[in-house]
């Protein structure tokens, strides 16, 4: 089967995911309310510029929105026996995972652009730049691939995967320069370099403040590299664990 046919089937998977899993209460909470609560908690009575805090909010929103559902799609569908039906169809495993990733990317971009539009109104400034748009796409693909990688353990209990996701996602928030500039993080700064969220937040910060720790296009390239590695690893590990799901 040629590549175009596989991509069409991946598109059908993405459409199915958007209809079933996204734009529902729990996902909106993950994508909007949790970042908002963290934003207000860490901004309360802190003498920090608003645009610095808003850049962190945008970074968190994309990160949480695209990784809210992808970790639990595989265990949910394993439990409902629909995953077994999918892999028995004429579609490659990489295309199934690509469909899950694309659905998450589209949802995350919708949430992030909505928040960016609100930031434009609040700050009264033009913050939409070409590197930022490229970063939103590559960042969404990266964080979504990260979510599919978390779903690798062959369990049919979404709660098991959500526990793993929470243990990984929240520490990443605090080492990625979301709430503090990288140059103020001291000895733990080196940990921030292993988090893709660091580069997306830095990219947003460049668009809003005009300052960053990395060149904008360097951040885009690093996010693209993370995306390729995370997606490829997710496909390989899912294939290795495929027999354990049934």
Protein backbone atom coordinates (compact mmCIF):
# COMPACT_ATOMS: atom_id res chain seq x y z
CA UNK A 1 0.00 0.00 0.00
CA UNK A 2 1.45 3.37 -0.98
CA UNK A 3 2.24 6.27 1.32
CA UNK A 4 -0.72 8.39 0.19
CA UNK A 5 -3.21 5.67 1.10
CA UNK A 6 -1.61 5.28 4.53
CA UNK A 7 -1.82 9.05 5.11
CA UNK A 8 -5.51 9.02 4.12
CA UNK A 9 -6.14 6.31 6.69
CA UNK A 10 -4.17 8.30 9.26
CA UNK A 11 -6.48 11.23 8.48
CA UNK A 12 -9.50 9.02 9.17
CA UNK A 13 -7.96 8.05 12.53
CA UNK A 14 -7.43 11.74 13.34
CA UNK A 15 -11.04 12.56 12.45
CA UNK A 16 -12.26 9.72 14.65
CA UNK A 17 -10.14 10.91 17.59
CA UNK A 18 -11.36 14.51 17.26
CA UNK A 19 -14.98 13.36 17.27
CA UNK A 20 -14.62 10.97 20.21
CA UNK A 21 -11.94 12.32 22.53
CA UNK A 22 -11.47 16.05 22.01
CA UNK A 23 -13.53 19.16 22.78
CA UNK A 24 -14.86 17.48 25.90
CA UNK A 25 -14.83 18.68 29.50
CA UNK A 26 -11.77 16.79 30.82
CA UNK A 27 -9.68 17.78 27.80
CA UNK A 28 -10.64 21.45 28.08
CA UNK A 29 -9.66 21.28 31.77
CA UNK A 30 -6.26 19.83 30.86
CA UNK A 31 -5.67 22.35 28.10
CA UNK A 32 -6.99 25.53 29.71
CA UNK A 33 -7.87 25.32 33.38
CA UNK A 34 -4.76 23.56 34.75
CA UNK A 35 -2.37 25.98 32.99
CA UNK A 36 -4.58 28.89 34.13
CA UNK A 37 -4.52 27.74 37.77
CA UNK A 38 -0.73 27.33 37.66
CA UNK A 39 -0.42 30.73 36.02
CA UNK A 40 -2.43 32.52 38.73
CA UNK A 41 -0.76 30.57 41.54
CA UNK A 42 2.74 31.54 40.46
CA UNK A 43 1.86 35.12 39.48
CA UNK A 44 0.12 36.02 42.75
CA UNK A 45 2.01 38.81 44.54
CA UNK A 46 5.11 38.32 42.37
CA UNK A 47 6.84 41.29 40.83
CA UNK A 48 7.13 39.67 37.41
CA UNK A 49 6.28 41.32 34.05
CA UNK A 50 2.92 40.23 32.66
CA UNK A 51 4.31 39.35 29.25
CA UNK A 52 6.85 37.02 30.90
CA UNK A 53 4.06 35.19 32.73
CA UNK A 54 1.83 35.04 29.65
CA UNK A 55 4.61 33.45 27.62
CA UNK A 56 4.78 30.70 30.23
CA UNK A 57 0.99 30.30 30.05
CA UNK A 58 1.13 29.83 26.28
CA UNK A 59 3.88 27.22 26.65
CA UNK A 60 1.98 25.30 29.31
CA UNK A 61 -1.27 25.43 27.36
CA UNK A 62 0.18 23.84 24.24
CA UNK A 63 2.04 21.26 26.32
CA UNK A 64 -1.00 20.22 28.36
CA UNK A 65 -3.50 20.44 25.50
CA UNK A 66 -1.66 18.14 23.09
CA UNK A 67 -0.59 15.68 25.78
CA UNK A 68 -3.97 15.46 27.52
CA UNK A 69 -5.44 12.61 25.46
CA UNK A 70 -2.66 10.94 23.44
CA UNK A 71 -1.31 9.03 26.47
CA UNK A 72 -4.66 7.34 27.13
CA UNK A 73 -5.96 6.63 23.61
CA UNK A 74 -4.05 3.33 23.37
CA UNK A 75 -5.17 1.94 26.76
CA UNK A 76 -8.76 3.08 26.17
CA UNK A 77 -8.91 1.40 22.78
CA UNK A 78 -7.16 -1.68 24.13
CA UNK A 79 -9.84 -1.93 26.81
CA UNK A 80 -12.66 -1.49 24.28
CA UNK A 81 -11.03 -3.95 21.82
CA UNK A 82 -11.01 -1.27 19.09
CA UNK A 83 -7.21 -1.13 19.01
CA UNK A 84 -7.14 -4.81 18.04
CA UNK A 85 -9.63 -4.05 15.26
CA UNK A 86 -7.50 -1.18 13.98
CA UNK A 87 -4.26 -3.15 13.72
CA UNK A 88 -6.09 -5.92 11.85
CA UNK A 89 -7.13 -3.39 9.17
CA UNK A 90 -4.96 -2.54 6.14
CA UNK A 91 -3.21 0.31 7.92
CA UNK A 92 0.32 0.46 9.28
CA UNK A 93 0.98 0.98 12.97
CA UNK A 94 2.91 4.18 12.21
CA UNK A 95 -0.16 5.56 10.41
CA UNK A 96 -2.42 4.74 13.39
CA UNK A 97 -0.06 6.60 15.70
CA UNK A 98 0.25 9.43 13.16
CA UNK A 99 -3.53 9.81 13.18
CA UNK A 100 -3.54 10.10 16.97
CA UNK A 101 -0.73 12.66 16.80
CA UNK A 102 -2.39 14.76 14.09
CA UNK A 103 -5.67 14.97 16.03
CA UNK A 104 -3.78 16.14 19.09
CA UNK A 105 -1.76 18.66 17.06
CA UNK A 106 -4.89 20.22 15.56
CA UNK A 107 -6.55 20.49 18.97
CA UNK A 108 -3.44 21.95 20.58
CA UNK A 109 -3.00 24.52 17.81
CA UNK A 110 -6.62 25.61 18.21
CA UNK A 111 -6.17 26.14 21.97
CA UNK A 112 -2.81 27.90 21.60
CA UNK A 113 -3.91 30.29 18.85
CA UNK A 114 -6.97 31.18 20.94
CA UNK A 115 -4.73 32.04 23.92
CA UNK A 116 -2.28 33.93 21.71
CA UNK A 117 -5.14 36.01 20.33
CA UNK A 118 -6.14 36.86 23.90
CA UNK A 119 -2.52 37.83 24.65
CA UNK A 120 -2.48 40.15 21.62
CA UNK A 121 -5.57 41.89 23.00
CA UNK A 122 -4.11 42.11 26.53
CA UNK A 123 -0.64 43.28 25.50
CA UNK A 124 -1.78 45.34 22.56
CA UNK A 125 1.21 44.22 20.52
CA UNK A 126 1.91 42.13 17.45
CA UNK A 127 3.48 38.93 18.72
CA UNK A 128 2.69 36.52 15.90
CA UNK A 129 5.97 35.82 14.07
CA UNK A 130 6.98 33.22 11.49
CA UNK A 131 9.31 31.38 13.94
CA UNK A 132 6.51 31.30 16.52
CA UNK A 133 4.02 29.80 14.05
CA UNK A 134 6.60 27.22 12.99
CA UNK A 135 7.30 26.54 16.67
CA UNK A 136 3.62 25.98 17.44
CA UNK A 137 3.39 23.32 14.72
CA UNK A 138 6.65 21.56 15.58
CA UNK A 139 6.03 21.94 19.32
CA UNK A 140 2.54 20.46 19.03
CA UNK A 141 3.88 17.51 17.03
CA UNK A 142 6.69 17.06 19.56
CA UNK A 143 4.44 17.14 22.66
CA UNK A 144 1.86 14.88 21.01
CA UNK A 145 4.56 12.34 20.10
CA UNK A 146 5.71 12.57 23.70
CA UNK A 147 2.17 11.63 24.77
CA UNK A 148 2.08 8.59 22.49
CA UNK A 149 5.43 7.52 23.90
CA UNK A 150 4.01 7.62 27.44
CA UNK A 151 1.20 5.29 26.31
CA UNK A 152 3.65 2.52 25.35
CA UNK A 153 3.09 0.28 28.45
CA UNK A 154 0.62 -2.43 27.28
CA UNK A 155 -2.14 -1.77 29.81
CA UNK A 156 -5.87 -1.37 29.32
CA UNK A 157 -6.20 0.89 32.38
CA UNK A 158 -6.07 4.61 31.43
CA UNK A 159 -5.48 5.48 35.10
CA UNK A 160 -2.12 3.65 35.00
CA UNK A 161 -0.95 5.77 32.08
CA UNK A 162 -2.33 8.99 33.57
CA UNK A 163 -0.26 8.36 36.69
CA UNK A 164 2.88 7.98 34.59
CA UNK A 165 1.99 11.08 32.57
CA UNK A 166 1.49 13.19 35.69
CA UNK A 167 4.79 12.03 37.20
CA UNK A 168 6.60 13.08 34.03
CA UNK A 169 4.72 16.19 32.88
CA UNK A 170 4.68 18.25 36.06
CA UNK A 171 8.44 18.02 36.75
CA UNK A 172 9.04 19.09 33.14
CA UNK A 173 6.98 22.22 33.77
CA UNK A 174 9.27 23.28 36.61
CA UNK A 175 12.60 22.64 34.84
CA UNK A 176 11.64 24.29 31.56
CA UNK A 177 11.92 27.97 32.49
CA UNK A 178 8.15 28.45 32.50
CA UNK A 179 8.05 30.30 35.83
CA UNK A 180 11.63 31.58 36.02
CA UNK A 181 14.22 32.74 33.48
CA UNK A 182 16.76 30.10 32.57
CA UNK A 183 19.64 32.28 33.79
CA UNK A 184 18.07 32.33 37.28
CA UNK A 185 17.80 28.55 37.60
CA UNK A 186 21.32 28.07 38.89
CA UNK A 187 22.85 24.62 38.98
CA UNK A 188 19.70 22.88 37.68
CA UNK A 189 19.73 24.89 34.46
CA UNK A 190 21.39 22.03 32.59
CA UNK A 191 18.25 19.92 33.19
CA UNK A 192 16.20 22.39 31.18
CA UNK A 193 18.09 21.50 28.01
CA UNK A 194 16.62 17.98 27.98
CA UNK A 195 13.04 19.31 27.99
CA UNK A 196 11.44 20.27 24.65
CA UNK A 197 9.11 22.59 26.57
CA UNK A 198 12.14 24.78 27.35
CA UNK A 199 12.64 25.59 23.67
CA UNK A 200 8.98 26.29 22.94
CA UNK A 201 8.63 28.55 25.98
CA UNK A 202 11.81 30.36 24.96
CA UNK A 203 10.37 30.81 21.47
CA UNK A 204 7.16 32.34 22.83
CA UNK A 205 9.20 34.54 25.15
CA UNK A 206 11.18 35.86 22.18
CA UNK A 207 7.93 36.77 20.40
CA UNK A 208 6.49 38.56 23.45
CA UNK A 209 9.55 40.11 25.07
CA UNK A 210 12.06 40.23 22.21
CA UNK A 211 14.59 38.31 24.30
CA UNK A 212 15.48 34.64 24.53
CA UNK A 213 18.21 32.23 25.53
CA UNK A 214 18.29 30.59 22.08
CA UNK A 215 17.90 31.81 18.54
CA UNK A 216 14.22 31.37 17.48
CA UNK A 217 15.03 29.17 14.50
CA UNK A 218 17.41 27.09 16.63
CA UNK A 219 14.50 26.43 18.99
CA UNK A 220 12.31 25.41 16.03
CA UNK A 221 14.97 22.99 14.77
CA UNK A 222 15.49 21.50 18.23
CA UNK A 223 11.72 20.99 18.59
CA UNK A 224 11.63 19.32 15.17
CA UNK A 225 14.50 17.05 16.22
CA UNK A 226 12.72 16.11 19.44
CA UNK A 227 9.53 15.43 17.46
CA UNK A 228 11.24 13.04 15.05
CA UNK A 229 13.02 11.16 17.85
CA UNK A 230 9.94 10.92 20.09
CA UNK A 231 7.61 9.83 17.27
CA UNK A 232 10.06 7.24 15.91
CA UNK A 233 10.70 5.86 19.40
CA UNK A 234 6.96 5.67 20.09
CA UNK A 235 6.35 3.69 16.89
CA UNK A 236 9.22 1.28 17.62
CA UNK A 237 8.17 0.64 21.22
CA UNK A 238 4.48 0.31 20.38
CA UNK A 239 5.39 -2.28 17.74
CA UNK A 240 7.47 -4.23 20.29
CA UNK A 241 4.60 -4.24 22.81
CA UNK A 242 1.82 -4.83 20.29
CA UNK A 243 1.43 -8.55 21.06
CA UNK A 244 1.09 -7.84 24.80
CA UNK A 245 -2.03 -5.72 24.26
CA UNK A 246 -4.20 -8.61 23.11
